[in-house]
Amino acid sequence: MPASRQPLSVAIITLNAATQLEACLRSARFADEIVVVDSGSADGTRELAERHGARVIEQDWLGFGPQKQFAVDAAAHDWVLCLDADERVTPELQAAIENTLVAPLNNAYRFARCNRFLGRYLRHGEGYPDWSLRLFDRRQARWSDDAVHEKIITNASVGTLTGDLLHDSAETLAAYLAKQNRYTTLAAEMALAAGKHTGFARIALSPLVRFIKFYFIRQGFRDGLPGLIHIAIGCFNSFMKYSKMLERRNDSAALR
């Protein structure tokens, strides 16, 4: 590694991630520290992380945004790279990170995330480049408090790094759909809490607009059947989010 670069902590949150975590930890060995915040794993995740030299902290689940911020706050260094257990840093991205930290021109950096779905890394449509802001100076940025679809909040300038972050969840289609069902419920609740509204136009048109954008304009068709299925599920998620908002709005009206 460059001798004069800024020290770097990698922060990872986990729950029963033993089958995925090792590859992530190996890809992050270039960091000066790896901190893993675990929320009650029962599959050996904590022990695996410790064997790879990570500092493990147990913390009950706070929601995605707060849990990730807890990990950032627990890090030893101000420059933090946040990873999920099913992600891996490619050698190209590692080199870009280390070179950038010699003399950072920005206080936060994004890079492309390449998602594997149904056995194929998606390179078009909704699955790529999937820009992810994950490297930042924690004095200038932090995770939002969102329970789902959390994001980095910063007023600092954001740079872009070369190289990909590989995302390989290795989950079944049934598990993926179950997770998306949970996410759309949380997204609907967050939208209503923020005062947003839904109606016929959003429910009917948002999936269509999304499909045109990602399948045709962003050329998702080039990813074959996995690309089509991935985009179709995303369109259905949009439909379900607004439908769940309508359901909850009607339930609230019935109670009044």
C-alpha atoms as a PDB file:
ATOM      1  CA  MET A   1       0.000   0.000   0.000  1.00  0.00           C
ATOM      2  CA  PRO A   2       1.167   3.607  -0.454  1.00  0.00           C
ATOM      3  CA  ALA A   3       3.105   4.434   2.723  1.00  0.00           C
ATOM      4  CA  SER A   4       1.737   7.942   3.101  1.00  0.00           C
ATOM      5  CA  ARG A   5      -1.957   7.356   2.531  1.00  0.00           C
ATOM      6  CA  GLN A   6      -4.670   8.198   5.047  1.00  0.00           C
ATOM      7  CA  PRO A   7      -5.419   5.311   7.447  1.00  0.00           C
ATOM      8  CA  LEU A   8      -8.594   3.459   6.499  1.00  0.00           C
ATOM      9  CA  SER A   9     -11.249   1.557   8.430  1.00  0.00           C
ATOM     10  CA  VAL A  10     -13.651  -0.857   6.747  1.00  0.00           C
ATOM     11  CA  ALA A  11     -17.064  -1.053   8.429  1.00  0.00           C
ATOM     12  CA  ILE A  12     -19.379  -4.036   7.854  1.00  0.00           C
ATOM     13  CA  ILE A  13     -22.747  -4.898   9.412  1.00  0.00           C
ATOM     14  CA  THR A  14     -23.740  -8.559   9.610  1.00  0.00           C
ATOM     15  CA  LEU A  15     -26.461 -11.014  10.540  1.00  0.00           C
ATOM     16  CA  ASN A  16     -25.925 -14.718   9.832  1.00  0.00           C
ATOM     17  CA  ALA A  17     -23.504 -13.933   7.006  1.00  0.00           C
ATOM     18  CA  ALA A  18     -20.972 -16.742   7.472  1.00  0.00           C
ATOM     19  CA  THR A  19     -21.435 -18.113   3.943  1.00  0.00           C
ATOM     20  CA  GLN A  20     -20.696 -14.730   2.354  1.00  0.00           C
ATOM     21  CA  LEU A  21     -18.428 -12.817   4.721  1.00  0.00           C
ATOM     22  CA  GLU A  22     -15.081 -14.510   4.115  1.00  0.00           C
ATOM     23  CA  ALA A  23     -14.734 -13.284   0.527  1.00  0.00           C
ATOM     24  CA  CYS A  24     -15.628  -9.769   1.672  1.00  0.00           C
ATOM     25  CA  LEU A  25     -13.037  -9.824   4.463  1.00  0.00           C
ATOM     26  CA  ARG A  26     -10.325 -11.128   2.153  1.00  0.00           C
ATOM     27  CA  SER A  27     -10.995  -8.327  -0.330  1.00  0.00           C
ATOM     28  CA  ALA A  28     -10.738  -5.736   2.457  1.00  0.00           C
ATOM     29  CA  ARG A  29      -7.413  -6.880   3.915  1.00  0.00           C
ATOM     30  CA  PHE A  30      -5.667  -3.801   2.525  1.00  0.00           C
ATOM     31  CA  ALA A  31      -7.428  -1.626   5.126  1.00  0.00           C
ATOM     32  CA  ASP A  32      -5.786  -0.705   8.424  1.00  0.00           C
ATOM     33  CA  GLU A  33      -8.779  -1.984  10.353  1.00  0.00           C
ATOM     34  CA  ILE A  34     -11.959  -3.976   9.767  1.00  0.00           C
ATOM     35  CA  VAL A  35     -14.807  -3.486  12.220  1.00  0.00           C
ATOM     36  CA  VAL A  36     -17.791  -5.838  12.046  1.00  0.00           C
ATOM     37  CA  VAL A  37     -21.021  -4.906  13.835  1.00  0.00           C
ATOM     38  CA  ASP A  38     -23.123  -8.038  14.281  1.00  0.00           C
ATOM     39  CA  SER A  39     -26.782  -8.104  15.318  1.00  0.00           C
ATOM     40  CA  GLY A  40     -27.157 -11.587  16.771  1.00  0.00           C
ATOM     41  CA  SER A  41     -25.714 -14.101  14.312  1.00  0.00           C
ATOM     42  CA  ALA A  42     -26.050 -17.781  15.190  1.00  0.00           C
ATOM     43  CA  ASP A  43     -24.079 -19.277  12.294  1.00  0.00           C
ATOM     44  CA  GLY A  44     -20.479 -18.521  13.272  1.00  0.00           C
ATOM     45  CA  THR A  45     -20.305 -15.103  11.612  1.00  0.00           C
ATOM     46  CA  ARG A  46     -18.634 -13.448  14.615  1.00  0.00           C
ATOM     47  CA  GLU A  47     -16.050 -16.210  14.978  1.00  0.00           C
ATOM     48  CA  LEU A  48     -15.254 -16.098  11.251  1.00  0.00           C
ATOM     49  CA  ALA A  49     -14.740 -12.340  11.382  1.00  0.00           C
ATOM     50  CA  GLU A  50     -12.431 -12.629  14.383  1.00  0.00           C
ATOM     51  CA  ARG A  51     -10.350 -15.324  12.656  1.00  0.00           C
ATOM     52  CA  HIS A  52      -9.767 -12.861   9.833  1.00  0.00           C
ATOM     53  CA  GLY A  53      -8.571 -10.193  12.249  1.00  0.00           C
ATOM     54  CA  ALA A  54     -11.726  -8.066  12.371  1.00  0.00           C
ATOM     55  CA  ARG A  55     -12.822  -6.284  15.519  1.00  0.00           C
ATOM     56  CA  VAL A  56     -16.332  -7.541  16.252  1.00  0.00           C
ATOM     57  CA  ILE A  57     -18.969  -5.555  18.142  1.00  0.00           C
ATOM     58  CA  GLU A  58     -22.389  -6.898  19.036  1.00  0.00           C
ATOM     59  CA  GLN A  59     -25.287  -4.471  18.594  1.00  0.00           C
ATOM     60  CA  ASP A  60     -29.019  -5.157  18.468  1.00  0.00           C
ATOM     61  CA  TRP A  61     -30.599  -4.213  15.144  1.00  0.00           C
ATOM     62  CA  LEU A  62     -31.243  -0.465  14.802  1.00  0.00           C
ATOM     63  CA  GLY A  63     -32.385  -0.315  11.154  1.00  0.00           C
ATOM     64  CA  PHE A  64     -30.056  -0.147   8.151  1.00  0.00           C
ATOM     65  CA  GLY A  65     -29.068   3.518   8.355  1.00  0.00           C
ATOM     66  CA  PRO A  66     -28.554   3.697  12.148  1.00  0.00           C
ATOM     67  CA  GLN A  67     -26.784   0.315  12.229  1.00  0.00           C
ATOM     68  CA  LYS A  68     -24.300   1.400   9.563  1.00  0.00           C
ATOM     69  CA  GLN A  69     -23.727   4.710  11.304  1.00  0.00           C
ATOM     70  CA  PHE A  70     -23.064   2.841  14.556  1.00  0.00           C
ATOM     71  CA  ALA A  71     -20.334   0.897  12.725  1.00  0.00           C
ATOM     72  CA  VAL A  72     -18.870   4.109  11.299  1.00  0.00           C
ATOM     73  CA  ASP A  73     -18.804   5.726  14.743  1.00  0.00           C
ATOM     74  CA  ALA A  74     -17.060   2.654  16.160  1.00  0.00           C
ATOM     75  CA  ALA A  75     -14.259   2.795  13.570  1.00  0.00           C
ATOM     76  CA  ALA A  76     -10.770   3.768  14.672  1.00  0.00           C
ATOM     77  CA  HIS A  77     -10.056   6.016  11.680  1.00  0.00           C
ATOM     78  CA  ASP A  78     -11.893   8.953  10.088  1.00  0.00           C
ATOM     79  CA  TRP A  79     -11.693   7.598   6.554  1.00  0.00           C
ATOM     80  CA  VAL A  80     -14.200   4.755   6.341  1.00  0.00           C
ATOM     81  CA  LEU A  81     -15.148   2.311   3.597  1.00  0.00           C
ATOM     82  CA  CYS A  82     -18.569   0.758   4.217  1.00  0.00           C
ATOM     83  CA  LEU A  83     -19.228  -2.703   2.809  1.00  0.00           C
ATOM     84  CA  ASP A  84     -22.004  -5.272   3.008  1.00  0.00           C
ATOM     85  CA  ALA A  85     -21.115  -8.872   3.797  1.00  0.00           C
ATOM     86  CA  ASP A  86     -22.013  -9.988   0.261  1.00  0.00           C
ATOM     87  CA  GLU A  87     -19.764  -7.444  -1.464  1.00  0.00           C
ATOM     88  CA  ARG A  88     -16.149  -7.676  -2.616  1.00  0.00           C
ATOM     89  CA  VAL A  89     -13.607  -5.004  -3.497  1.00  0.00           C
ATOM     90  CA  THR A  90     -11.959  -5.712  -6.854  1.00  0.00           C
ATOM     91  CA  PRO A  91      -8.181  -5.186  -7.221  1.00  0.00           C
ATOM     92  CA  GLU A  92      -8.882  -2.227  -9.533  1.00  0.00           C
ATOM     93  CA  LEU A  93     -11.089  -0.554  -6.934  1.00  0.00           C
ATOM     94  CA  GLN A  94      -8.577  -1.270  -4.171  1.00  0.00           C
ATOM     95  CA  ALA A  95      -5.848   0.446  -6.185  1.00  0.00           C
ATOM     96  CA  ALA A  96      -8.089   3.454  -6.842  1.00  0.00           C
ATOM     97  CA  ILE A  97      -8.954   3.763  -3.134  1.00  0.00           C
ATOM     98  CA  GLU A  98      -5.362   3.516  -1.957  1.00  0.00           C
ATOM     99  CA  ASN A  99      -4.069   5.981  -4.550  1.00  0.00           C
ATOM    100  CA  THR A 100      -6.856   8.448  -3.733  1.00  0.00           C
ATOM    101  CA  LEU A 101      -6.153   8.322   0.000  1.00  0.00           C
ATOM    102  CA  VAL A 102      -2.572   9.498  -0.548  1.00  0.00           C
ATOM    103  CA  ALA A 103      -3.937  13.004  -1.212  1.00  0.00           C
ATOM    104  CA  PRO A 104      -7.758  13.072  -1.255  1.00  0.00           C
ATOM    105  CA  LEU A 105      -9.235  15.824  -3.401  1.00  0.00           C
ATOM    106  CA  ASN A 106     -12.744  15.188  -2.032  1.00  0.00           C
ATOM    107  CA  ASN A 107     -14.225  14.138   1.290  1.00  0.00           C
ATOM    108  CA  ALA A 108     -16.437  11.432  -0.188  1.00  0.00           C
ATOM    109  CA  TYR A 109     -16.191   9.052  -3.124  1.00  0.00           C
ATOM    110  CA  ARG A 110     -18.553   6.883  -5.127  1.00  0.00           C
ATOM    111  CA  PHE A 111     -17.853   3.951  -7.401  1.00  0.00           C
ATOM    112  CA  ALA A 112     -19.781   1.465  -9.512  1.00  0.00           C
ATOM    113  CA  ARG A 113     -21.379  -1.591  -7.947  1.00  0.00           C
ATOM    114  CA  CYS A 114     -21.813  -4.619 -10.196  1.00  0.00           C
ATOM    115  CA  ASN A 115     -24.709  -6.838  -9.123  1.00  0.00           C
ATOM    116  CA  ARG A 116     -24.863 -10.591  -9.705  1.00  0.00           C
ATOM    117  CA  PHE A 117     -28.387 -11.863 -10.339  1.00  0.00           C
ATOM    118  CA  LEU A 118     -29.469 -15.358 -11.381  1.00  0.00           C
ATOM    119  CA  GLY A 119     -25.860 -16.318 -12.043  1.00  0.00           C
ATOM    120  CA  ARG A 120     -24.930 -13.289 -14.151  1.00  0.00           C
ATOM    121  CA  TYR A 121     -23.204 -10.006 -13.347  1.00  0.00           C
ATOM    122  CA  LEU A 122     -25.496  -7.334 -14.749  1.00  0.00           C
ATOM    123  CA  ARG A 123     -23.752  -4.678 -16.822  1.00  0.00           C
ATOM    124  CA  HIS A 124     -26.733  -2.638 -17.990  1.00  0.00           C
ATOM    125  CA  GLY A 125     -30.216  -1.555 -16.954  1.00  0.00           C
ATOM    126  CA  GLU A 126     -30.940  -1.086 -13.275  1.00  0.00           C
ATOM    127  CA  GLY A 127     -28.087  -3.356 -12.175  1.00  0.00           C
ATOM    128  CA  TYR A 128     -25.140  -1.256 -13.390  1.00  0.00           C
ATOM    129  CA  PRO A 129     -23.360   1.022 -12.719  1.00  0.00           C
ATOM    130  CA  ASP A 130     -25.460   1.295  -9.513  1.00  0.00           C
ATOM    131  CA  TRP A 131     -23.336   4.172  -8.203  1.00  0.00           C
ATOM    132  CA  SER A 132     -22.547   3.679  -4.520  1.00  0.00           C
ATOM    133  CA  LEU A 133     -21.081   6.334  -2.218  1.00  0.00           C
ATOM    134  CA  ARG A 134     -19.221   4.229   0.323  1.00  0.00           C
ATOM    135  CA  LEU A 135     -15.832   5.826   0.932  1.00  0.00           C
ATOM    136  CA  PHE A 136     -15.856   9.011   2.992  1.00  0.00           C
ATOM    137  CA  ASP A 137     -14.347  11.097   5.753  1.00  0.00           C
ATOM    138  CA  ARG A 138     -16.811  10.585   8.608  1.00  0.00           C
ATOM    139  CA  ARG A 139     -16.205  14.143   9.794  1.00  0.00           C
ATOM    140  CA  GLN A 140     -17.856  15.313   6.569  1.00  0.00           C
ATOM    141  CA  ALA A 141     -20.518  12.649   5.920  1.00  0.00           C
ATOM    142  CA  ARG A 142     -22.817  10.200   7.679  1.00  0.00           C
ATOM    143  CA  TRP A 143     -25.499   7.592   7.011  1.00  0.00           C
ATOM    144  CA  SER A 144     -29.122   8.691   6.963  1.00  0.00           C
ATOM    145  CA  ASP A 145     -31.510   7.408   9.616  1.00  0.00           C
ATOM    146  CA  ASP A 146     -33.628   5.561   7.023  1.00  0.00           C
ATOM    147  CA  ALA A 147     -34.652   2.039   7.995  1.00  0.00           C
ATOM    148  CA  VAL A 148     -34.284   0.983   4.346  1.00  0.00           C
ATOM    149  CA  HIS A 149     -32.783   2.577   1.212  1.00  0.00           C
ATOM    150  CA  GLU A 150     -30.311   4.312   3.500  1.00  0.00           C
ATOM    151  CA  LYS A 151     -27.850   6.739   1.929  1.00  0.00           C
ATOM    152  CA  ILE A 152     -24.836   8.863   2.756  1.00  0.00           C
ATOM    153  CA  ILE A 153     -25.638  12.461   3.634  1.00  0.00           C
ATOM    154  CA  THR A 154     -22.907  14.999   2.930  1.00  0.00           C
ATOM    155  CA  ASN A 155     -22.408  18.579   1.835  1.00  0.00           C
ATOM    156  CA  ALA A 156     -18.902  17.762   0.663  1.00  0.00           C
ATOM    157  CA  SER A 157     -17.898  17.360  -2.963  1.00  0.00           C
ATOM    158  CA  VAL A 158     -18.127  13.758  -4.178  1.00  0.00           C
ATOM    159  CA  GLY A 159     -15.489  12.192  -6.385  1.00  0.00           C
ATOM    160  CA  THR A 160     -15.757   9.091  -8.581  1.00  0.00           C
ATOM    161  CA  LEU A 161     -13.339   6.158  -8.460  1.00  0.00           C
ATOM    162  CA  THR A 162     -12.576   3.566 -11.124  1.00  0.00           C
ATOM    163  CA  GLY A 163     -13.057  -0.127 -10.462  1.00  0.00           C
ATOM    164  CA  ASP A 164     -16.112  -2.096  -9.411  1.00  0.00           C
ATOM    165  CA  LEU A 165     -17.545  -3.269  -6.130  1.00  0.00           C
ATOM    166  CA  LEU A 166     -18.887  -6.768  -6.788  1.00  0.00           C
ATOM    167  CA  HIS A 167     -22.230  -7.620  -5.171  1.00  0.00           C
ATOM    168  CA  ASP A 168     -23.033 -11.329  -5.019  1.00  0.00           C
ATOM    169  CA  SER A 169     -25.871 -12.051  -2.619  1.00  0.00           C
ATOM    170  CA  ALA A 170     -26.005 -15.776  -3.545  1.00  0.00           C
ATOM    171  CA  GLU A 171     -29.624 -15.836  -2.393  1.00  0.00           C
ATOM    172  CA  THR A 172     -32.455 -17.768  -4.013  1.00  0.00           C
ATOM    173  CA  LEU A 173     -35.074 -16.006  -6.066  1.00  0.00           C
ATOM    174  CA  ALA A 174     -37.631 -16.790  -3.347  1.00  0.00           C
ATOM    175  CA  ALA A 175     -35.422 -15.162  -0.693  1.00  0.00           C
ATOM    176  CA  TYR A 176     -34.813 -12.161  -2.952  1.00  0.00           C
ATOM    177  CA  LEU A 177     -38.562 -11.675  -3.466  1.00  0.00           C
ATOM    178  CA  ALA A 178     -39.237 -12.004   0.264  1.00  0.00           C
ATOM    179  CA  LYS A 179     -36.626  -9.316   0.950  1.00  0.00           C
ATOM    180  CA  GLN A 180     -38.135  -7.042  -1.684  1.00  0.00           C
ATOM    181  CA  ASN A 181     -41.547  -7.483  -0.062  1.00  0.00           C
ATOM    182  CA  ARG A 182     -40.111  -6.295   3.255  1.00  0.00           C
ATOM    183  CA  TYR A 183     -38.358  -3.378   1.570  1.00  0.00           C
ATOM    184  CA  THR A 184     -41.492  -2.167  -0.218  1.00  0.00           C
ATOM    185  CA  THR A 185     -43.394  -2.223   3.066  1.00  0.00           C
ATOM    186  CA  LEU A 186     -40.720  -0.120   4.763  1.00  0.00           C
ATOM    187  CA  ALA A 187     -40.486   2.195   1.746  1.00  0.00           C
ATOM    188  CA  ALA A 188     -44.262   2.743   1.793  1.00  0.00           C
ATOM    189  CA  GLU A 189     -44.207   3.557   5.497  1.00  0.00           C
ATOM    190  CA  MET A 190     -41.329   6.001   5.045  1.00  0.00           C
ATOM    191  CA  ALA A 191     -43.055   7.734   2.119  1.00  0.00           C
ATOM    192  CA  LEU A 192     -46.276   8.200   4.084  1.00  0.00           C
ATOM    193  CA  ALA A 193     -44.363   9.476   7.103  1.00  0.00           C
ATOM    194  CA  ALA A 194     -42.733  12.046   4.811  1.00  0.00           C
ATOM    195  CA  GLY A 195     -46.154  13.260   3.664  1.00  0.00           C
ATOM    196  CA  LYS A 196     -46.016  11.753   0.175  1.00  0.00           C
ATOM    197  CA  HIS A 197     -49.151  10.667  -1.671  1.00  0.00           C
ATOM    198  CA  THR A 198     -50.216   7.969  -4.099  1.00  0.00           C
ATOM    199  CA  GLY A 199     -53.035   7.498  -6.585  1.00  0.00           C
ATOM    200  CA  PHE A 200     -54.023   5.864  -9.847  1.00  0.00           C
ATOM    201  CA  ALA A 201     -51.376   7.565 -11.970  1.00  0.00           C
ATOM    202  CA  ARG A 202     -48.456   6.574  -9.743  1.00  0.00           C
ATOM    203  CA  ILE A 203     -49.682   3.011  -9.258  1.00  0.00           C
ATOM    204  CA  ALA A 204     -50.385   2.460 -12.944  1.00  0.00           C
ATOM    205  CA  LEU A 205     -47.640   4.460 -14.625  1.00  0.00           C
ATOM    206  CA  SER A 206     -44.587   4.164 -12.362  1.00  0.00           C
ATOM    207  CA  PRO A 207     -43.896   0.501 -13.324  1.00  0.00           C
ATOM    208  CA  LEU A 208     -44.249   1.324 -17.029  1.00  0.00           C
ATOM    209  CA  VAL A 209     -41.961   4.346 -16.858  1.00  0.00           C
ATOM    210  CA  ARG A 210     -39.429   2.330 -14.879  1.00  0.00           C
ATOM    211  CA  PHE A 211     -39.460  -0.496 -17.434  1.00  0.00           C
ATOM    212  CA  ILE A 212     -38.933   1.857 -20.379  1.00  0.00           C
ATOM    213  CA  LYS A 213     -36.094   3.618 -18.572  1.00  0.00           C
ATOM    214  CA  PHE A 214     -34.131   0.553 -17.508  1.00  0.00           C
ATOM    215  CA  TYR A 215     -34.947  -2.037 -20.192  1.00  0.00           C
ATOM    216  CA  PHE A 216     -34.751   0.177 -23.262  1.00  0.00           C
ATOM    217  CA  ILE A 217     -32.967   3.463 -22.456  1.00  0.00           C
ATOM    218  CA  ARG A 218     -30.418   1.858 -20.108  1.00  0.00           C
ATOM    219  CA  GLN A 219     -30.274  -1.232 -22.370  1.00  0.00           C
ATOM    220  CA  GLY A 220     -31.187  -3.836 -19.770  1.00  0.00           C
ATOM    221  CA  PHE A 221     -32.131  -6.147 -22.640  1.00  0.00           C
ATOM    222  CA  ARG A 222     -28.406  -6.722 -23.168  1.00  0.00           C
ATOM    223  CA  ASP A 223     -28.271  -8.688 -19.903  1.00  0.00           C
ATOM    224  CA  GLY A 224     -30.531 -11.403 -21.271  1.00  0.00           C
ATOM    225  CA  LEU A 225     -33.180 -13.122 -19.172  1.00  0.00           C
ATOM    226  CA  PRO A 226     -31.553 -12.245 -15.818  1.00  0.00           C
ATOM    227  CA  GLY A 227     -31.694  -8.581 -16.836  1.00  0.00           C
ATOM    228  CA  LEU A 228     -35.332  -8.830 -17.855  1.00  0.00           C
ATOM    229  CA  ILE A 229     -36.324 -10.554 -14.620  1.00  0.00           C
ATOM    230  CA  HIS A 230     -34.349  -8.102 -12.480  1.00  0.00           C
ATOM    231  CA  ILE A 231     -36.023  -5.106 -14.106  1.00  0.00           C
ATOM    232  CA  ALA A 232     -39.471  -6.728 -13.989  1.00  0.00           C
ATOM    233  CA  ILE A 233     -39.110  -7.276 -10.236  1.00  0.00           C
ATOM    234  CA  GLY A 234     -38.043  -3.657  -9.814  1.00  0.00           C
ATOM    235  CA  CYS A 235     -41.147  -2.523 -11.689  1.00  0.00           C
ATOM    236  CA  PHE A 236     -43.338  -4.735  -9.513  1.00  0.00           C
ATOM    237  CA  ASN A 237     -41.651  -3.289  -6.411  1.00  0.00           C
ATOM    238  CA  SER A 238     -42.642   0.201  -7.545  1.00  0.00           C
ATOM    239  CA  PHE A 239     -46.217  -0.983  -8.081  1.00  0.00           C
ATOM    240  CA  MET A 240     -46.314  -2.609  -4.629  1.00  0.00           C
ATOM    241  CA  LYS A 241     -44.821   0.385  -2.830  1.00  0.00           C
ATOM    242  CA  TYR A 242     -47.543   2.725  -4.066  1.00  0.00           C
ATOM    243  CA  SER A 243     -50.222   0.063  -3.576  1.00  0.00           C
ATOM    244  CA  LYS A 244     -49.148  -0.429   0.033  1.00  0.00           C
ATOM    245  CA  MET A 245     -49.249   3.328   0.545  1.00  0.00           C
ATOM    246  CA  LEU A 246     -52.842   3.311  -0.725  1.00  0.00           C
ATOM    247  CA  GLU A 247     -53.737   0.398   1.554  1.00  0.00           C
ATOM    248  CA  ARG A 248     -52.352   2.132   4.629  1.00  0.00           C
ATOM    249  CA  ARG A 249     -53.986   5.430   3.723  1.00  0.00           C
ATOM    250  CA  ASN A 250     -57.363   3.695   3.376  1.00  0.00           C
ATOM    251  CA  ASP A 251     -56.863   1.818   6.649  1.00  0.00           C
ATOM    252  CA  SER A 252     -56.106   5.082   8.432  1.00  0.00           C
ATOM    253  CA  ALA A 253     -59.192   6.738   6.935  1.00  0.00           C
ATOM    254  CA  ALA A 254     -61.390   3.834   8.059  1.00  0.00           C
ATOM    255  CA  LEU A 255     -60.244   4.262  11.644  1.00  0.00           C
ATOM    256  CA  ARG A 256     -61.212   7.922  11.743  1.00  0.00           C
END
